[in-house]
């Protein structure tokens, strides 16, 4: 592998994006407790979801996926910008 720092950079970015997505999802929910409407009935708990935070988490996960694809591509190619064609290598053997 010729570019290990680039692969590590993409991997680190992916981990940070997943952490940011988890943080965003933790901020996307709010719970509200309501008193029972009639004496003798149980209390009511409602969970509210904020779509903006969930959308942001989706963006973070998408960017993390792209970083993983770039890391694998860079590791497999060995060098950025060079194409490796297994078909061409098979003909030269």
N, C-alpha and C. Protein backbone atom coordinates (compact mmCIF):
# COMPACT_ATOMS: atom_id res chain seq x y z
N UNK A 1 0.86 -1.16 0.00
CA UNK A 1 0.00 0.00 0.00
C UNK A 1 0.91 1.23 0.00
N UNK A 2 0.67 2.08 -0.98
CA UNK A 2 1.57 3.21 -1.15
C UNK A 2 1.11 4.46 -0.40
N UNK A 3 -0.17 4.56 -0.13
CA UNK A 3 -0.71 5.75 0.53
C UNK A 3 -1.42 5.38 1.82
N UNK A 4 -0.73 4.89 2.84
CA UNK A 4 -1.42 4.50 4.07
C UNK A 4 -2.01 5.69 4.83
N UNK A 5 -1.37 6.86 4.73
CA UNK A 5 -1.90 8.03 5.44
C UNK A 5 -3.24 8.46 4.84
N UNK A 6 -3.39 8.32 3.54
CA UNK A 6 -4.65 8.68 2.91
C UNK A 6 -5.75 7.71 3.33
N UNK A 7 -5.41 6.42 3.39
CA UNK A 7 -6.38 5.42 3.82
C UNK A 7 -6.78 5.68 5.28
N UNK A 8 -5.78 5.95 6.13
CA UNK A 8 -6.08 6.26 7.53
C UNK A 8 -6.90 7.53 7.65
N UNK A 9 -6.65 8.50 6.79
CA UNK A 9 -7.42 9.74 6.82
C UNK A 9 -8.89 9.51 6.48
N UNK A 10 -9.12 8.71 5.44
CA UNK A 10 -10.51 8.38 5.09
C UNK A 10 -11.17 7.57 6.20
N UNK A 11 -10.43 6.65 6.79
CA UNK A 11 -10.99 5.84 7.88
C UNK A 11 -11.32 6.68 9.10
N UNK A 12 -10.42 7.62 9.42
CA UNK A 12 -10.68 8.51 10.55
C UNK A 12 -11.89 9.40 10.28
N UNK A 13 -11.99 9.89 9.07
CA UNK A 13 -13.14 10.72 8.71
C UNK A 13 -14.43 9.92 8.82
N UNK A 14 -14.40 8.65 8.41
CA UNK A 14 -15.60 7.81 8.50
C UNK A 14 -16.01 7.60 9.95
N UNK A 15 -15.03 7.34 10.82
CA UNK A 15 -15.34 7.14 12.24
C UNK A 15 -15.92 8.43 12.85
N UNK A 16 -15.33 9.56 12.50
CA UNK A 16 -15.85 10.83 13.02
C UNK A 16 -17.26 11.12 12.51
N UNK A 17 -17.54 10.76 11.27
CA UNK A 17 -18.88 10.97 10.72
C UNK A 17 -19.91 10.07 11.42
N UNK A 18 -19.52 8.85 11.74
CA UNK A 18 -20.43 7.95 12.46
C UNK A 18 -20.68 8.49 13.87
N UNK A 19 -19.64 9.01 14.51
CA UNK A 19 -19.81 9.60 15.84
C UNK A 19 -20.73 10.82 15.77
N UNK A 20 -20.57 11.63 14.73
CA UNK A 20 -21.43 12.81 14.56
C UNK A 20 -22.87 12.38 14.28
N UNK A 21 -23.05 11.29 13.53
CA UNK A 21 -24.41 10.80 13.27
C UNK A 21 -25.06 10.31 14.56
N UNK A 22 -24.29 9.63 15.41
CA UNK A 22 -24.84 9.18 16.69
C UNK A 22 -25.21 10.36 17.56
N UNK A 23 -24.35 11.37 17.59
CA UNK A 23 -24.64 12.58 18.37
C UNK A 23 -25.90 13.26 17.85
N UNK A 24 -26.03 13.32 16.54
CA UNK A 24 -27.20 13.96 15.94
C UNK A 24 -28.48 13.18 16.26
N UNK A 25 -28.40 11.85 16.22
CA UNK A 25 -29.59 11.05 16.54
C UNK A 25 -29.98 11.18 18.01
N UNK A 26 -28.99 11.35 18.89
CA UNK A 26 -29.31 11.55 20.30
C UNK A 26 -30.05 12.87 20.52
N UNK A 27 -29.78 13.85 19.69
CA UNK A 27 -30.45 15.14 19.81
C UNK A 27 -31.76 15.21 19.03
N UNK A 28 -32.11 14.14 18.34
CA UNK A 28 -33.30 14.18 17.49
C UNK A 28 -34.57 13.80 18.22
N UNK A 29 -34.47 13.26 19.42
CA UNK A 29 -35.67 12.84 20.14
C UNK A 29 -35.88 13.66 21.40
N UNK A 30 -37.13 13.89 21.69
CA UNK A 30 -37.54 14.58 22.92
C UNK A 30 -38.73 13.82 23.49
N UNK A 31 -38.71 13.57 24.78
CA UNK A 31 -39.85 12.90 25.40
C UNK A 31 -40.63 13.90 26.23
N UNK A 32 -41.93 13.72 26.24
CA UNK A 32 -42.82 14.58 27.03
C UNK A 32 -43.75 13.68 27.83
N UNK A 33 -43.88 13.98 29.10
CA UNK A 33 -44.75 13.21 29.99
C UNK A 33 -46.03 14.02 30.23
N UNK A 34 -47.15 13.33 30.13
CA UNK A 34 -48.45 13.97 30.35
C UNK A 34 -49.16 13.28 31.51
N UNK A 35 -49.84 14.06 32.28
CA UNK A 35 -50.61 13.52 33.40
C UNK A 35 -51.79 12.72 32.84
N UNK A 36 -52.28 11.79 33.62
CA UNK A 36 -53.43 11.02 33.14
C UNK A 36 -54.65 11.91 32.95
N UNK A 37 -55.39 11.72 31.87
CA UNK A 37 -56.56 12.57 31.62
C UNK A 37 -57.68 12.33 32.63
N UNK A 38 -57.77 11.10 33.12
CA UNK A 38 -58.81 10.75 34.09
C UNK A 38 -58.11 10.04 35.25
N UNK A 39 -58.56 10.33 36.46
CA UNK A 39 -57.98 9.70 37.63
C UNK A 39 -58.10 8.18 37.52
N UNK A 40 -56.98 7.49 37.74
CA UNK A 40 -56.97 6.03 37.68
C UNK A 40 -56.35 5.50 36.40
N UNK A 41 -56.21 6.32 35.38
CA UNK A 41 -55.56 5.89 34.14
C UNK A 41 -54.06 6.15 34.24
N UNK A 42 -53.24 5.41 33.46
CA UNK A 42 -51.80 5.64 33.53
C UNK A 42 -51.40 6.94 32.84
N UNK A 43 -50.24 7.44 33.22
CA UNK A 43 -49.71 8.65 32.59
C UNK A 43 -49.32 8.33 31.15
N UNK A 44 -49.23 9.35 30.34
CA UNK A 44 -48.92 9.19 28.92
C UNK A 44 -47.54 9.79 28.64
N UNK A 45 -46.70 9.03 27.96
CA UNK A 45 -45.37 9.51 27.56
C UNK A 45 -45.33 9.56 26.04
N UNK A 46 -44.92 10.70 25.51
CA UNK A 46 -44.85 10.89 24.07
C UNK A 46 -43.40 11.14 23.66
N UNK A 47 -43.02 10.57 22.53
CA UNK A 47 -41.69 10.79 21.98
C UNK A 47 -41.83 11.62 20.71
N UNK A 48 -41.14 12.74 20.68
CA UNK A 48 -41.18 13.63 19.51
C UNK A 48 -39.85 13.51 18.77
N UNK A 49 -39.93 13.40 17.46
CA UNK A 49 -38.74 13.28 16.62
C UNK A 49 -38.57 14.55 15.79
N UNK A 50 -37.36 15.06 15.74
CA UNK A 50 -37.06 16.25 14.95
C UNK A 50 -36.39 15.82 13.65
N UNK A 51 -37.07 16.07 12.55
CA UNK A 51 -36.59 15.63 11.25
C UNK A 51 -35.29 16.27 10.81
N UNK A 52 -35.01 17.48 11.27
CA UNK A 52 -33.75 18.15 10.88
C UNK A 52 -32.55 17.40 11.41
N UNK A 53 -32.63 16.94 12.67
CA UNK A 53 -31.51 16.20 13.25
C UNK A 53 -31.37 14.83 12.60
N UNK A 54 -32.49 14.19 12.29
CA UNK A 54 -32.44 12.89 11.63
C UNK A 54 -31.88 13.04 10.22
N UNK A 55 -32.27 14.10 9.52
CA UNK A 55 -31.71 14.37 8.19
C UNK A 55 -30.22 14.62 8.25
N UNK A 56 -29.77 15.35 9.25
CA UNK A 56 -28.33 15.59 9.42
C UNK A 56 -27.59 14.28 9.70
N UNK A 57 -28.18 13.42 10.50
CA UNK A 57 -27.57 12.11 10.77
C UNK A 57 -27.47 11.29 9.48
N UNK A 58 -28.48 11.38 8.64
CA UNK A 58 -28.46 10.68 7.36
C UNK A 58 -27.32 11.19 6.48
N UNK A 59 -27.12 12.50 6.47
CA UNK A 59 -26.01 13.07 5.70
C UNK A 59 -24.67 12.58 6.25
N UNK A 60 -24.53 12.55 7.57
CA UNK A 60 -23.29 12.08 8.18
C UNK A 60 -23.00 10.62 7.82
N UNK A 61 -24.02 9.78 7.85
CA UNK A 61 -23.84 8.37 7.52
C UNK A 61 -23.49 8.21 6.04
N UNK A 62 -24.10 9.00 5.19
CA UNK A 62 -23.80 8.95 3.76
C UNK A 62 -22.35 9.35 3.49
N UNK A 63 -21.90 10.42 4.12
CA UNK A 63 -20.51 10.86 3.95
C UNK A 63 -19.55 9.81 4.51
N UNK A 64 -19.91 9.16 5.62
CA UNK A 64 -19.07 8.09 6.17
C UNK A 64 -18.97 6.93 5.19
N UNK A 65 -20.06 6.59 4.53
CA UNK A 65 -20.03 5.53 3.54
C UNK A 65 -19.14 5.87 2.37
N UNK A 66 -19.19 7.12 1.91
CA UNK A 66 -18.32 7.55 0.82
C UNK A 66 -16.86 7.49 1.25
N UNK A 67 -16.57 7.88 2.49
CA UNK A 67 -15.19 7.80 2.99
C UNK A 67 -14.69 6.36 3.04
N UNK A 68 -15.56 5.44 3.42
CA UNK A 68 -15.17 4.03 3.44
C UNK A 68 -14.89 3.53 2.03
N UNK A 69 -15.73 3.92 1.08
CA UNK A 69 -15.49 3.52 -0.31
C UNK A 69 -14.17 4.09 -0.81
N UNK A 70 -13.89 5.34 -0.51
CA UNK A 70 -12.61 5.95 -0.92
C UNK A 70 -11.43 5.24 -0.26
N UNK A 71 -11.56 4.89 1.02
CA UNK A 71 -10.46 4.20 1.72
C UNK A 71 -10.19 2.84 1.09
N UNK A 72 -11.24 2.09 0.81
CA UNK A 72 -11.06 0.77 0.19
C UNK A 72 -10.48 0.92 -1.21
N UNK A 73 -10.97 1.89 -1.96
CA UNK A 73 -10.47 2.11 -3.31
C UNK A 73 -8.99 2.47 -3.29
N UNK A 74 -8.61 3.36 -2.38
CA UNK A 74 -7.21 3.77 -2.29
C UNK A 74 -6.32 2.61 -1.84
N UNK A 75 -6.80 1.82 -0.90
CA UNK A 75 -6.01 0.68 -0.42
C UNK A 75 -5.86 -0.38 -1.51
N UNK A 76 -6.90 -0.61 -2.28
CA UNK A 76 -6.83 -1.65 -3.31
C UNK A 76 -6.02 -1.22 -4.52
N UNK A 77 -6.11 0.03 -4.87
CA UNK A 77 -5.36 0.50 -6.03
C UNK A 77 -3.88 0.67 -5.71
N UNK A 78 -3.59 0.95 -4.47
CA UNK A 78 -2.21 1.13 -4.07
C UNK A 78 -1.72 2.55 -4.28
N UNK A 79 -2.30 3.22 -5.22
CA UNK A 79 -1.86 4.58 -5.52
C UNK A 79 -3.04 5.31 -6.13
N UNK A 80 -3.30 6.51 -5.70
CA UNK A 80 -4.43 7.26 -6.23
C UNK A 80 -4.20 7.61 -7.69
N UNK A 81 -5.23 7.46 -8.48
CA UNK A 81 -5.16 7.87 -9.88
C UNK A 81 -4.73 6.79 -10.85
N UNK A 82 -4.35 5.62 -10.38
CA UNK A 82 -3.98 4.56 -11.31
C UNK A 82 -5.09 3.54 -11.37
N UNK A 83 -5.38 3.09 -12.53
CA UNK A 83 -6.42 2.10 -12.72
C UNK A 83 -5.77 0.71 -12.73
N UNK A 84 -6.34 -0.22 -12.02
CA UNK A 84 -5.84 -1.59 -12.05
C UNK A 84 -6.89 -2.45 -12.74
N UNK A 85 -6.53 -3.02 -13.84
CA UNK A 85 -7.44 -3.86 -14.60
C UNK A 85 -6.96 -5.30 -14.51
N UNK A 86 -7.68 -6.15 -13.78
CA UNK A 86 -7.25 -7.54 -13.65
C UNK A 86 -7.23 -8.27 -14.99
N UNK A 87 -8.08 -7.84 -15.92
CA UNK A 87 -8.12 -8.50 -17.22
C UNK A 87 -6.79 -8.27 -17.95
N UNK A 88 -6.26 -7.06 -17.91
CA UNK A 88 -5.01 -6.77 -18.59
C UNK A 88 -3.84 -7.50 -17.93
N UNK A 89 -3.88 -7.64 -16.62
CA UNK A 89 -2.80 -8.36 -15.94
C UNK A 89 -2.84 -9.84 -16.29
N UNK A 90 -4.02 -10.39 -16.51
CA UNK A 90 -4.14 -11.80 -16.82
C UNK A 90 -3.51 -12.11 -18.19
N UNK A 91 -3.60 -11.18 -19.13
CA UNK A 91 -3.05 -11.40 -20.47
C UNK A 91 -1.54 -11.30 -20.49
N UNK A 92 -0.94 -10.62 -19.54
CA UNK A 92 0.51 -10.43 -19.56
C UNK A 92 1.24 -11.58 -18.88
N UNK A 93 0.53 -12.48 -18.22
CA UNK A 93 1.20 -13.58 -17.52
C UNK A 93 1.60 -14.68 -18.46
